[in-house]
Each structure stands twice: as C-alpha cells, then as structure tokens.
Amino acid sequence: MNRRSTVVGWMYVLVVVTALVASAQPEGGAIRVLVVDETKTFASTMRVAGLVGGLRSVGLFDVGVALADVTSSYDDPLADREPEPGADPYDLIVVLPRGLDDGSVRQIWIVSAGLSALPPGAVASLSLLTGIVDQVFAGIGEATDVSEDLWPCLLWATYAMNGWIR
C-alpha cells in the first residue's frame, strides 16, 4: 500500500467518524476535552499544539489545555488544582505524560467514565479522538483508554470525585 492510498484511507475514516459523531451528538453540545500536557521538549510542544488544533478543527470538541509540572509520569497532574467554579465537567481528559519525551512511557492516557456509561456521542468522539492522538503522536506514543489500562480508570475515579470529569 502506498502513502497516497493510506492518506486517502485515513481521510475517509475521518469523514465517516465525524459524520457519526455529529449525528449522535446532542443539539448544541460539544464534547468537552481537557488536554493535560506534562511534556517539556519543543518537539512535544509542537505535537501538543497539533493535537489541540486538530481537535478544534473538527468542530465537535470544546478543548481546554492544562500544563502540568510533575516529577514522574505516574504523578497526578491535576493533584493540587480545582476546576474553575461554575464550569461544566469535562467528558474526556487526555494526559500526555512526561515520559513521552524520553520514551519511558508510550501510553497517552484518555480518561473517561467506562465506555458503557458514556453517551453515544461521547463514545463516537472517543474513537475520533483516539485516531487524532495516534496520528499526531505516531511512533512516539499511542492512545490508551479505560478499556485498555488501569491507570486511566484510577485517574477517572479521582477526577470524578473532584469535579473535573463526568
């Protein structure tokens, strides 16, 4: 398979998933996503900007960004923070761990409620989000959600108790 057919294939998948998400999304309600950036290198910062820009360009996501200074990829990046008063909780939180910079961690954690507890629009959005994350961070990391790893589940429990996520 050549590069052109791969790009055309991804574009087709993006259009189909976007149409599914748009049809399943509640009237006027964007999927709220918080991108938590623990990375420190210029290359990672550019990828984060690409991720945020890609999510915003789809038009289905309301994206917020939080920078976190942690000592380990497994520290809670939102530990000493509180959500903005009166702000709605996020539907999805993407944690870009510090270890992406040095290759010690390859997972990019997508935090959410269990997949069976998410509304249909959020489940379809999760698939689209995963595809965008995997494209932007290809070769460096890959999206890992609550169905694949325990860490996003533990983060969800903590963030749900603190009002960060639904």
C-alpha atoms as a PDB file:
ATOM      1  CA  MET A   1       0.000   0.000   0.000  1.00  0.00           C
ATOM      2  CA  ASN A   2       1.483   3.327  -0.985  1.00  0.00           C
ATOM      3  CA  ARG A   3       1.442   6.535   1.040  1.00  0.00           C
ATOM      4  CA  ARG A   4      -1.275   8.198  -1.047  1.00  0.00           C
ATOM      5  CA  SER A   5      -3.780   5.388  -0.540  1.00  0.00           C
ATOM      6  CA  THR A   6      -3.005   5.391   3.205  1.00  0.00           C
ATOM      7  CA  VAL A   7      -3.719   9.127   3.433  1.00  0.00           C
ATOM      8  CA  VAL A   8      -6.923   8.756   1.399  1.00  0.00           C
ATOM      9  CA  GLY A   9      -7.988   5.876   3.657  1.00  0.00           C
ATOM     10  CA  TRP A  10      -7.437   7.933   6.823  1.00  0.00           C
ATOM     11  CA  MET A  11      -9.327  10.863   5.323  1.00  0.00           C
ATOM     12  CA  TYR A  12     -12.261   8.567   4.513  1.00  0.00           C
ATOM     13  CA  VAL A  13     -12.264   7.181   8.075  1.00  0.00           C
ATOM     14  CA  LEU A  14     -12.126  10.728   9.488  1.00  0.00           C
ATOM     15  CA  VAL A  15     -15.114  11.838   7.388  1.00  0.00           C
ATOM     16  CA  VAL A  16     -17.197   8.788   8.343  1.00  0.00           C
ATOM     17  CA  VAL A  17     -16.409   9.049  12.060  1.00  0.00           C
ATOM     18  CA  THR A  18     -17.058  12.810  12.027  1.00  0.00           C
ATOM     19  CA  ALA A  19     -20.471  12.198  10.445  1.00  0.00           C
ATOM     20  CA  LEU A  20     -21.287   9.539  13.050  1.00  0.00           C
ATOM     21  CA  VAL A  21     -20.224  11.787  15.907  1.00  0.00           C
ATOM     22  CA  ALA A  22     -22.207  14.729  14.547  1.00  0.00           C
ATOM     23  CA  SER A  23     -25.355  12.622  14.189  1.00  0.00           C
ATOM     24  CA  ALA A  24     -25.039  11.197  17.714  1.00  0.00           C
ATOM     25  CA  GLN A  25     -24.119  14.472  19.388  1.00  0.00           C
ATOM     26  CA  PRO A  26     -26.770  16.288  21.386  1.00  0.00           C
ATOM     27  CA  GLU A  27     -28.092  19.547  19.957  1.00  0.00           C
ATOM     28  CA  GLY A  28     -25.554  22.330  20.561  1.00  0.00           C
ATOM     29  CA  GLY A  29     -23.410  20.260  22.932  1.00  0.00           C
ATOM     30  CA  ALA A  30     -19.735  19.949  22.113  1.00  0.00           C
ATOM     31  CA  ILE A  31     -17.708  17.191  23.745  1.00  0.00           C
ATOM     32  CA  ARG A  32     -15.583  18.871  26.434  1.00  0.00           C
ATOM     33  CA  VAL A  33     -11.963  17.698  26.338  1.00  0.00           C
ATOM     34  CA  LEU A  34      -9.107  18.730  28.633  1.00  0.00           C
ATOM     35  CA  VAL A  35      -5.584  18.125  27.297  1.00  0.00           C
ATOM     36  CA  VAL A  36      -3.114  17.870  30.192  1.00  0.00           C
ATOM     37  CA  ASP A  37       0.450  18.413  28.965  1.00  0.00           C
ATOM     38  CA  GLU A  38       3.296  17.127  31.143  1.00  0.00           C
ATOM     39  CA  THR A  39       5.879  17.186  28.324  1.00  0.00           C
ATOM     40  CA  LYS A  40       8.813  19.587  28.254  1.00  0.00           C
ATOM     41  CA  THR A  41      10.564  19.404  24.871  1.00  0.00           C
ATOM     42  CA  PHE A  42       9.982  21.689  21.906  1.00  0.00           C
ATOM     43  CA  ALA A  43       9.073  18.731  19.652  1.00  0.00           C
ATOM     44  CA  SER A  44       6.435  17.562  22.142  1.00  0.00           C
ATOM     45  CA  THR A  45       5.064  21.085  22.485  1.00  0.00           C
ATOM     46  CA  MET A  46       4.606  21.248  18.713  1.00  0.00           C
ATOM     47  CA  ARG A  47       2.791  17.905  18.748  1.00  0.00           C
ATOM     48  CA  VAL A  48       0.523  19.104  21.565  1.00  0.00           C
ATOM     49  CA  ALA A  49      -0.288  22.224  19.542  1.00  0.00           C
ATOM     50  CA  GLY A  50      -1.060  19.985  16.564  1.00  0.00           C
ATOM     51  CA  LEU A  51      -3.333  17.808  18.696  1.00  0.00           C
ATOM     52  CA  VAL A  52      -5.254  20.778  20.110  1.00  0.00           C
ATOM     53  CA  GLY A  53      -5.520  22.392  16.675  1.00  0.00           C
ATOM     54  CA  GLY A  54      -6.674  19.123  15.109  1.00  0.00           C
ATOM     55  CA  LEU A  55      -9.361  18.615  17.747  1.00  0.00           C
ATOM     56  CA  ARG A  56     -10.615  22.179  17.420  1.00  0.00           C
ATOM     57  CA  SER A  57     -10.677  21.990  13.615  1.00  0.00           C
ATOM     58  CA  VAL A  58     -13.083  19.043  13.712  1.00  0.00           C
ATOM     59  CA  GLY A  59     -15.631  21.349  15.338  1.00  0.00           C
ATOM     60  CA  LEU A  60     -17.038  18.728  17.695  1.00  0.00           C
ATOM     61  CA  PHE A  61     -14.762  19.382  20.647  1.00  0.00           C
ATOM     62  CA  ASP A  62     -14.565  22.173  23.215  1.00  0.00           C
ATOM     63  CA  VAL A  63     -10.860  21.878  24.108  1.00  0.00           C
ATOM     64  CA  GLY A  64      -9.127  23.157  27.225  1.00  0.00           C
ATOM     65  CA  VAL A  65      -5.403  22.862  27.944  1.00  0.00           C
ATOM     66  CA  ALA A  66      -3.623  22.491  31.289  1.00  0.00           C
ATOM     67  CA  LEU A  67       0.158  22.439  31.703  1.00  0.00           C
ATOM     68  CA  ALA A  68       1.464  20.224  34.490  1.00  0.00           C
ATOM     69  CA  ASP A  69       4.859  20.074  36.143  1.00  0.00           C
ATOM     70  CA  VAL A  70       5.305  16.593  37.591  1.00  0.00           C
ATOM     71  CA  THR A  71       8.335  14.567  38.650  1.00  0.00           C
ATOM     72  CA  SER A  72       7.020  11.236  37.345  1.00  0.00           C
ATOM     73  CA  SER A  73       4.711  10.169  34.525  1.00  0.00           C
ATOM     74  CA  TYR A  74       2.566   8.481  37.169  1.00  0.00           C
ATOM     75  CA  ASP A  75       2.024  11.571  39.329  1.00  0.00           C
ATOM     76  CA  ASP A  76      -1.486  13.028  39.243  1.00  0.00           C
ATOM     77  CA  PRO A  77      -1.063  16.146  37.063  1.00  0.00           C
ATOM     78  CA  LEU A  78      -4.181  17.812  38.494  1.00  0.00           C
ATOM     79  CA  ALA A  79      -3.494  16.942  42.149  1.00  0.00           C
ATOM     80  CA  ASP A  80      -3.220  20.461  43.557  1.00  0.00           C
ATOM     81  CA  ARG A  81      -5.787  22.096  41.284  1.00  0.00           C
ATOM     82  CA  GLU A  82      -9.517  22.556  41.263  1.00  0.00           C
ATOM     83  CA  PRO A  83     -11.799  23.028  38.268  1.00  0.00           C
ATOM     84  CA  GLU A  84     -12.947  26.556  37.537  1.00  0.00           C
ATOM     85  CA  PRO A  85     -16.001  27.397  39.650  1.00  0.00           C
ATOM     86  CA  GLY A  86     -19.215  27.001  37.678  1.00  0.00           C
ATOM     87  CA  ALA A  87     -17.519  25.253  34.760  1.00  0.00           C
ATOM     88  CA  ASP A  88     -19.088  22.070  33.415  1.00  0.00           C
ATOM     89  CA  PRO A  89     -17.076  18.899  33.996  1.00  0.00           C
ATOM     90  CA  TYR A  90     -15.103  17.522  31.051  1.00  0.00           C
ATOM     91  CA  ASP A  91     -16.296  14.493  29.094  1.00  0.00           C
ATOM     92  CA  LEU A  92     -12.760  13.309  28.280  1.00  0.00           C
ATOM     93  CA  ILE A  93      -9.317  14.146  29.639  1.00  0.00           C
ATOM     94  CA  VAL A  94      -6.171  13.413  27.629  1.00  0.00           C
ATOM     95  CA  VAL A  95      -2.992  13.086  29.711  1.00  0.00           C
ATOM     96  CA  LEU A  96       0.249  13.468  27.760  1.00  0.00           C
ATOM     97  CA  PRO A  97       2.767  12.035  30.238  1.00  0.00           C
ATOM     98  CA  ARG A  98       6.229  13.378  30.856  1.00  0.00           C
ATOM     99  CA  GLY A  99       7.758  10.074  29.722  1.00  0.00           C
ATOM    100  CA  LEU A 100       6.808  10.713  26.093  1.00  0.00           C
ATOM    101  CA  ASP A 101       9.853  12.992  25.856  1.00  0.00           C
ATOM    102  CA  ASP A 102      12.405  10.320  26.773  1.00  0.00           C
ATOM    103  CA  GLY A 103      10.494   7.243  25.556  1.00  0.00           C
ATOM    104  CA  SER A 104       9.993   5.797  29.046  1.00  0.00           C
ATOM    105  CA  VAL A 105       6.204   5.869  28.561  1.00  0.00           C
ATOM    106  CA  ARG A 106       4.422   5.193  25.275  1.00  0.00           C
ATOM    107  CA  GLN A 107       0.830   5.453  26.505  1.00  0.00           C
ATOM    108  CA  ILE A 108      -1.194   8.612  26.127  1.00  0.00           C
ATOM    109  CA  TRP A 109      -3.989   8.182  28.621  1.00  0.00           C
ATOM    110  CA  ILE A 110      -7.546   9.044  27.648  1.00  0.00           C
ATOM    111  CA  VAL A 111      -9.545   9.356  30.837  1.00  0.00           C
ATOM    112  CA  SER A 112     -13.318   8.877  30.777  1.00  0.00           C
ATOM    113  CA  ALA A 113     -16.106   7.039  32.504  1.00  0.00           C
ATOM    114  CA  GLY A 114     -16.441   3.396  31.493  1.00  0.00           C
ATOM    115  CA  LEU A 115     -17.355   3.015  27.840  1.00  0.00           C
ATOM    116  CA  SER A 116     -20.786   1.581  28.706  1.00  0.00           C
ATOM    117  CA  ALA A 117     -21.506   4.661  30.873  1.00  0.00           C
ATOM    118  CA  LEU A 118     -20.720   7.218  28.150  1.00  0.00           C
ATOM    119  CA  PRO A 119     -23.461   8.696  25.953  1.00  0.00           C
ATOM    120  CA  PRO A 120     -23.354   7.558  22.289  1.00  0.00           C
ATOM    121  CA  GLY A 121     -21.907  10.886  21.096  1.00  0.00           C
ATOM    122  CA  ALA A 122     -19.038  10.650  23.572  1.00  0.00           C
ATOM    123  CA  VAL A 123     -18.241   7.049  22.550  1.00  0.00           C
ATOM    124  CA  ALA A 124     -18.053   8.042  18.881  1.00  0.00           C
ATOM    125  CA  SER A 125     -15.998  11.104  19.855  1.00  0.00           C
ATOM    126  CA  LEU A 126     -13.618   8.885  21.798  1.00  0.00           C
ATOM    127  CA  SER A 127     -12.917   6.900  18.620  1.00  0.00           C
ATOM    128  CA  LEU A 128     -12.248  10.077  16.675  1.00  0.00           C
ATOM    129  CA  LEU A 129     -10.068  11.476  19.480  1.00  0.00           C
ATOM    130  CA  THR A 130      -8.058   8.244  19.627  1.00  0.00           C
ATOM    131  CA  GLY A 131      -7.431   8.398  15.882  1.00  0.00           C
ATOM    132  CA  ILE A 132      -6.241  12.001  16.036  1.00  0.00           C
ATOM    133  CA  VAL A 133      -3.959  11.309  19.029  1.00  0.00           C
ATOM    134  CA  ASP A 134      -2.467   8.265  17.286  1.00  0.00           C
ATOM    135  CA  GLN A 135      -1.777  10.280  14.131  1.00  0.00           C
ATOM    136  CA  VAL A 136      -0.195  13.251  15.908  1.00  0.00           C
ATOM    137  CA  PHE A 137       1.984  11.090  18.173  1.00  0.00           C
ATOM    138  CA  ALA A 138       2.728   8.293  15.666  1.00  0.00           C
ATOM    139  CA  GLY A 139       5.950   6.497  16.560  1.00  0.00           C
ATOM    140  CA  ILE A 140       6.181   8.168  19.982  1.00  0.00           C
ATOM    141  CA  GLY A 141       3.039   7.105  21.806  1.00  0.00           C
ATOM    142  CA  GLU A 142      -0.429   5.708  21.376  1.00  0.00           C
ATOM    143  CA  ALA A 143      -3.811   6.446  22.890  1.00  0.00           C
ATOM    144  CA  THR A 144      -4.828   4.153  25.743  1.00  0.00           C
ATOM    145  CA  ASP A 145      -8.306   4.403  27.230  1.00  0.00           C
ATOM    146  CA  VAL A 146     -10.139   2.941  30.227  1.00  0.00           C
ATOM    147  CA  SER A 147     -10.838  -0.314  28.384  1.00  0.00           C
ATOM    148  CA  GLU A 148      -7.106  -0.966  27.909  1.00  0.00           C
ATOM    149  CA  ASP A 149      -5.300   0.162  31.072  1.00  0.00           C
ATOM    150  CA  LEU A 150      -5.984   0.580  34.778  1.00  0.00           C
ATOM    151  CA  TRP A 151      -4.257   3.986  35.120  1.00  0.00           C
ATOM    152  CA  PRO A 152      -6.941   5.957  33.169  1.00  0.00           C
ATOM    153  CA  CYS A 153      -9.598   4.240  35.343  1.00  0.00           C
ATOM    154  CA  LEU A 154      -7.858   5.335  38.534  1.00  0.00           C
ATOM    155  CA  LEU A 155      -7.474   8.876  37.224  1.00  0.00           C
ATOM    156  CA  TRP A 156     -11.168   8.947  36.269  1.00  0.00           C
ATOM    157  CA  ALA A 157     -12.190   7.931  39.807  1.00  0.00           C
ATOM    158  CA  THR A 158     -10.058  10.723  41.282  1.00  0.00           C
ATOM    159  CA  TYR A 159     -11.169  13.346  38.754  1.00  0.00           C
ATOM    160  CA  ALA A 160     -14.856  12.418  39.072  1.00  0.00           C
ATOM    161  CA  MET A 161     -14.691  12.877  42.855  1.00  0.00           C
ATOM    162  CA  ASN A 162     -13.027  16.293  42.407  1.00  0.00           C
ATOM    163  CA  GLY A 163     -15.456  17.555  39.734  1.00  0.00           C
ATOM    164  CA  TRP A 164     -13.063  17.522  36.768  1.00  0.00           C
ATOM    165  CA  ILE A 165     -14.914  14.902  34.703  1.00  0.00           C
ATOM    166  CA  ARG A 166     -18.393  13.422  34.339  1.00  0.00           C
END
